């Protein structure tokens, strides 16, 4: 019996990877907020045919001047986890 809460990674494809610089991202509307981060829907100022027009951007809630080392480490660890999941 399969667990319906576990995603089928074969059936769901990930978007193509592309390299972006922060300067290419235009601020967008907030679409979510969690304990440590805010997620916004952002447009890309110069997207080519291989890049999406819109992305979801996850940013720490605290300003860079007030964020502590533990919060940075947790944020980076979540990014590593998402990258590993994307490579399955």
C-alpha atoms as a PDB file:
ATOM      1  CA  UNK A   1       0.000   0.000   0.000  1.00  0.00           C
ATOM      2  CA  UNK A   2       1.378   3.418  -0.911  1.00  0.00           C
ATOM      3  CA  UNK A   3       1.235   6.418   1.363  1.00  0.00           C
ATOM      4  CA  UNK A   4      -0.696   9.239  -0.359  1.00  0.00           C
ATOM      5  CA  UNK A   5       1.281  11.836   1.624  1.00  0.00           C
ATOM      6  CA  UNK A   6       4.579  10.824   0.018  1.00  0.00           C
ATOM      7  CA  UNK A   7       5.023  12.523  -3.360  1.00  0.00           C
ATOM      8  CA  UNK A   8       5.809  10.455  -6.432  1.00  0.00           C
ATOM      9  CA  UNK A   9       9.022  12.145  -7.632  1.00  0.00           C
ATOM     10  CA  UNK A  10       8.866  10.308 -10.948  1.00  0.00           C
ATOM     11  CA  UNK A  11       5.432  11.764 -11.760  1.00  0.00           C
ATOM     12  CA  UNK A  12       6.331  15.347 -10.827  1.00  0.00           C
ATOM     13  CA  UNK A  13       9.109  16.990 -12.782  1.00  0.00           C
ATOM     14  CA  UNK A  14      11.154  19.899 -11.476  1.00  0.00           C
ATOM     15  CA  UNK A  15      11.579  23.072 -13.485  1.00  0.00           C
ATOM     16  CA  UNK A  16      14.794  23.496 -15.401  1.00  0.00           C
ATOM     17  CA  UNK A  17      17.632  24.958 -13.341  1.00  0.00           C
ATOM     18  CA  UNK A  18      18.918  28.400 -14.252  1.00  0.00           C
ATOM     19  CA  UNK A  19      21.464  30.778 -12.773  1.00  0.00           C
ATOM     20  CA  UNK A  20      20.101  34.075 -11.524  1.00  0.00           C
ATOM     21  CA  UNK A  21      21.609  37.115  -9.923  1.00  0.00           C
ATOM     22  CA  UNK A  22      19.702  38.985  -7.256  1.00  0.00           C
ATOM     23  CA  UNK A  23      19.658  42.055  -9.510  1.00  0.00           C
ATOM     24  CA  UNK A  24      17.482  40.205 -12.053  1.00  0.00           C
ATOM     25  CA  UNK A  25      14.694  39.658  -9.515  1.00  0.00           C
ATOM     26  CA  UNK A  26      11.966  42.288  -9.188  1.00  0.00           C
ATOM     27  CA  UNK A  27      10.066  42.497  -5.913  1.00  0.00           C
ATOM     28  CA  UNK A  28       6.704  40.813  -5.964  1.00  0.00           C
ATOM     29  CA  UNK A  29       3.676  40.044  -3.842  1.00  0.00           C
ATOM     30  CA  UNK A  30       4.052  38.023  -0.677  1.00  0.00           C
ATOM     31  CA  UNK A  31       2.432  34.606  -1.085  1.00  0.00           C
ATOM     32  CA  UNK A  32       3.405  32.986   2.206  1.00  0.00           C
ATOM     33  CA  UNK A  33       5.088  33.350   5.551  1.00  0.00           C
ATOM     34  CA  UNK A  34       6.510  30.757   7.885  1.00  0.00           C
ATOM     35  CA  UNK A  35       8.382  30.761  11.144  1.00  0.00           C
ATOM     36  CA  UNK A  36      11.657  31.963   9.676  1.00  0.00           C
ATOM     37  CA  UNK A  37      10.992  33.190   6.152  1.00  0.00           C
ATOM     38  CA  UNK A  38       8.741  35.072   3.770  1.00  0.00           C
ATOM     39  CA  UNK A  39       7.960  33.712   0.293  1.00  0.00           C
ATOM     40  CA  UNK A  40       7.193  36.131  -2.526  1.00  0.00           C
ATOM     41  CA  UNK A  41       6.152  35.686  -6.148  1.00  0.00           C
ATOM     42  CA  UNK A  42       8.737  37.673  -8.116  1.00  0.00           C
ATOM     43  CA  UNK A  43       9.222  38.502 -11.776  1.00  0.00           C
ATOM     44  CA  UNK A  44      12.541  38.287 -13.558  1.00  0.00           C
ATOM     45  CA  UNK A  45      13.648  41.480 -15.264  1.00  0.00           C
ATOM     46  CA  UNK A  46      15.439  39.703 -18.104  1.00  0.00           C
ATOM     47  CA  UNK A  47      14.320  36.151 -18.640  1.00  0.00           C
ATOM     48  CA  UNK A  48      15.477  34.226 -21.668  1.00  0.00           C
ATOM     49  CA  UNK A  49      13.640  31.339 -23.269  1.00  0.00           C
ATOM     50  CA  UNK A  50      15.245  28.852 -20.845  1.00  0.00           C
ATOM     51  CA  UNK A  51      14.291  30.806 -17.702  1.00  0.00           C
ATOM     52  CA  UNK A  52      10.890  31.165 -16.096  1.00  0.00           C
ATOM     53  CA  UNK A  53       9.168  34.551 -16.107  1.00  0.00           C
ATOM     54  CA  UNK A  54       8.145  34.225 -12.460  1.00  0.00           C
ATOM     55  CA  UNK A  55       9.818  32.549  -9.479  1.00  0.00           C
ATOM     56  CA  UNK A  56       9.104  32.022  -5.796  1.00  0.00           C
ATOM     57  CA  UNK A  57      11.725  33.746  -3.644  1.00  0.00           C
ATOM     58  CA  UNK A  58      12.261  32.681  -0.025  1.00  0.00           C
ATOM     59  CA  UNK A  59      13.929  35.269   2.208  1.00  0.00           C
ATOM     60  CA  UNK A  60      14.647  35.314   5.953  1.00  0.00           C
ATOM     61  CA  UNK A  61      12.120  37.431   7.884  1.00  0.00           C
ATOM     62  CA  UNK A  62      14.708  39.298   9.926  1.00  0.00           C
ATOM     63  CA  UNK A  63      16.684  42.107   8.407  1.00  0.00           C
ATOM     64  CA  UNK A  64      20.325  41.219   7.621  1.00  0.00           C
ATOM     65  CA  UNK A  65      21.469  43.511  10.439  1.00  0.00           C
ATOM     66  CA  UNK A  66      19.568  41.508  13.089  1.00  0.00           C
ATOM     67  CA  UNK A  67      19.739  37.909  11.884  1.00  0.00           C
ATOM     68  CA  UNK A  68      21.911  35.643  14.016  1.00  0.00           C
ATOM     69  CA  UNK A  69      24.227  32.813  13.028  1.00  0.00           C
ATOM     70  CA  UNK A  70      21.811  30.036  14.100  1.00  0.00           C
ATOM     71  CA  UNK A  71      19.022  31.465  11.932  1.00  0.00           C
ATOM     72  CA  UNK A  72      21.377  31.695   8.954  1.00  0.00           C
ATOM     73  CA  UNK A  73      22.491  28.085   9.445  1.00  0.00           C
ATOM     74  CA  UNK A  74      18.859  26.844   9.626  1.00  0.00           C
ATOM     75  CA  UNK A  75      17.945  28.804   6.502  1.00  0.00           C
ATOM     76  CA  UNK A  76      20.922  27.407   4.552  1.00  0.00           C
ATOM     77  CA  UNK A  77      20.221  23.869   5.790  1.00  0.00           C
ATOM     78  CA  UNK A  78      16.655  24.084   4.464  1.00  0.00           C
ATOM     79  CA  UNK A  79      18.050  25.147   1.094  1.00  0.00           C
ATOM     80  CA  UNK A  80      20.379  22.130   1.050  1.00  0.00           C
ATOM     81  CA  UNK A  81      17.448  19.851   1.868  1.00  0.00           C
ATOM     82  CA  UNK A  82      15.391  21.275  -0.991  1.00  0.00           C
ATOM     83  CA  UNK A  83      18.321  20.838  -3.386  1.00  0.00           C
ATOM     84  CA  UNK A  84      18.709  17.170  -2.339  1.00  0.00           C
ATOM     85  CA  UNK A  85      14.976  16.564  -2.827  1.00  0.00           C
ATOM     86  CA  UNK A  86      15.123  18.192  -6.241  1.00  0.00           C
ATOM     87  CA  UNK A  87      17.941  15.849  -7.297  1.00  0.00           C
ATOM     88  CA  UNK A  88      16.022  12.656  -6.474  1.00  0.00           C
END
